[in-house]
Amino acid sequence: MEIDKPCACSFLCCNRPYAEVYLVEDRKRDLIGKIELPCSLCAHELAIKDPQDNDKFRIVGSCC
């Protein structure tokens, strides 16, 4: 597996960071999904998406 996270400056809810996840086998590099940090003011949240950008899982934790 390979994770590619481009460097991006984000401010509040603009330009939210993400990481693309690839399966690397026999010199093939197939996108298997994306991990996104959606905008949430009072919680830590991750959105796990499939290659078509559909939500598959959501992980939510409180800030306390």
C-alpha atoms as a PDB file:
ATOM      1  CA  MET A   1       0.000   0.000   0.000  1.00  0.00           C
ATOM      2  CA  GLU A   2       1.077   3.543  -0.664  1.00  0.00           C
ATOM      3  CA  ILE A   3      -0.413   6.754   0.743  1.00  0.00           C
ATOM      4  CA  ASP A   4       0.029  10.011  -1.161  1.00  0.00           C
ATOM      5  CA  LYS A   5      -0.734  13.209   0.768  1.00  0.00           C
ATOM      6  CA  PRO A   6      -0.084  16.381  -1.195  1.00  0.00           C
ATOM      7  CA  CYS A   7       1.082  19.391   0.750  1.00  0.00           C
ATOM      8  CA  ALA A   8      -1.775  21.889   1.063  1.00  0.00           C
ATOM      9  CA  CYS A   9      -2.431  24.924   3.184  1.00  0.00           C
ATOM     10  CA  SER A  10      -5.914  24.818   4.727  1.00  0.00           C
ATOM     11  CA  PHE A  11      -7.722  27.537   6.625  1.00  0.00           C
ATOM     12  CA  LEU A  12     -10.947  26.735   8.504  1.00  0.00           C
ATOM     13  CA  CYS A  13     -13.108  24.870   5.960  1.00  0.00           C
ATOM     14  CA  CYS A  14     -11.213  25.899   2.821  1.00  0.00           C
ATOM     15  CA  ASN A  15      -8.951  23.437   0.968  1.00  0.00           C
ATOM     16  CA  ARG A  16      -9.445  20.497   3.348  1.00  0.00           C
ATOM     17  CA  PRO A  17      -6.516  18.050   3.472  1.00  0.00           C
ATOM     18  CA  TYR A  18      -6.824  14.521   2.078  1.00  0.00           C
ATOM     19  CA  ALA A  19      -4.656  11.486   1.378  1.00  0.00           C
ATOM     20  CA  GLU A  20      -5.069   9.081  -1.535  1.00  0.00           C
ATOM     21  CA  VAL A  21      -4.492   5.365  -0.821  1.00  0.00           C
ATOM     22  CA  TYR A  22      -3.055   3.127  -3.557  1.00  0.00           C
ATOM     23  CA  LEU A  23      -2.512  -0.606  -3.839  1.00  0.00           C
ATOM     24  CA  VAL A  24       0.870  -1.202  -5.463  1.00  0.00           C
ATOM     25  CA  GLU A  25       1.503  -4.656  -6.974  1.00  0.00           C
ATOM     26  CA  ASP A  26       3.663  -5.772  -9.889  1.00  0.00           C
ATOM     27  CA  ARG A  27       4.416  -2.154 -10.921  1.00  0.00           C
ATOM     28  CA  LYS A  28       0.677  -1.348 -10.984  1.00  0.00           C
ATOM     29  CA  ARG A  29      -0.619   1.483  -8.817  1.00  0.00           C
ATOM     30  CA  ASP A  30      -4.405   1.303  -8.342  1.00  0.00           C
ATOM     31  CA  LEU A  31      -6.347   3.900  -6.360  1.00  0.00           C
ATOM     32  CA  ILE A  32      -8.376   2.112  -3.671  1.00  0.00           C
ATOM     33  CA  GLY A  33      -9.706   5.151  -1.827  1.00  0.00           C
ATOM     34  CA  LYS A  34      -9.184   8.448  -0.121  1.00  0.00           C
ATOM     35  CA  ILE A  35      -8.981   9.664   3.492  1.00  0.00           C
ATOM     36  CA  GLU A  36     -10.435  13.141   3.993  1.00  0.00           C
ATOM     37  CA  LEU A  37     -10.565  15.539   6.937  1.00  0.00           C
ATOM     38  CA  PRO A  38     -13.981  17.194   6.543  1.00  0.00           C
ATOM     39  CA  CYS A  39     -14.793  20.526   8.135  1.00  0.00           C
ATOM     40  CA  SER A  40     -15.912  20.044  11.750  1.00  0.00           C
ATOM     41  CA  LEU A  41     -15.544  22.716  14.392  1.00  0.00           C
ATOM     42  CA  CYS A  42     -15.860  20.786  17.658  1.00  0.00           C
ATOM     43  CA  ALA A  43     -14.919  17.220  16.692  1.00  0.00           C
ATOM     44  CA  HIS A  44     -12.109  15.260  15.116  1.00  0.00           C
ATOM     45  CA  GLU A  45     -13.454  13.516  12.042  1.00  0.00           C
ATOM     46  CA  LEU A  46     -12.157  11.373   9.162  1.00  0.00           C
ATOM     47  CA  ALA A  47     -14.091  10.379   6.046  1.00  0.00           C
ATOM     48  CA  ILE A  48     -12.994   7.183   4.292  1.00  0.00           C
ATOM     49  CA  LYS A  49     -14.035   7.192   0.618  1.00  0.00           C
ATOM     50  CA  ASP A  50     -13.919   4.696  -2.242  1.00  0.00           C
ATOM     51  CA  PRO A  51     -12.281   5.430  -5.646  1.00  0.00           C
ATOM     52  CA  GLN A  52     -15.543   6.994  -6.921  1.00  0.00           C
ATOM     53  CA  ASP A  53     -15.479   9.482  -3.980  1.00  0.00           C
ATOM     54  CA  ASN A  54     -18.459   7.875  -2.184  1.00  0.00           C
ATOM     55  CA  ASP A  55     -18.409   7.825   1.631  1.00  0.00           C
ATOM     56  CA  LYS A  56     -17.722   4.310   2.962  1.00  0.00           C
ATOM     57  CA  PHE A  57     -16.890   5.006   6.615  1.00  0.00           C
ATOM     58  CA  ARG A  58     -16.849   7.986   8.937  1.00  0.00           C
ATOM     59  CA  ILE A  59     -14.764   8.119  12.103  1.00  0.00           C
ATOM     60  CA  VAL A  60     -15.834  10.764  14.623  1.00  0.00           C
ATOM     61  CA  GLY A  61     -14.238  11.652  17.968  1.00  0.00           C
ATOM     62  CA  SER A  62     -14.880  14.501  20.372  1.00  0.00           C
ATOM     63  CA  CYS A  63     -12.402  17.259  21.107  1.00  0.00           C
ATOM     64  CA  CYS A  64     -12.620  16.608  24.870  1.00  0.00           C
END
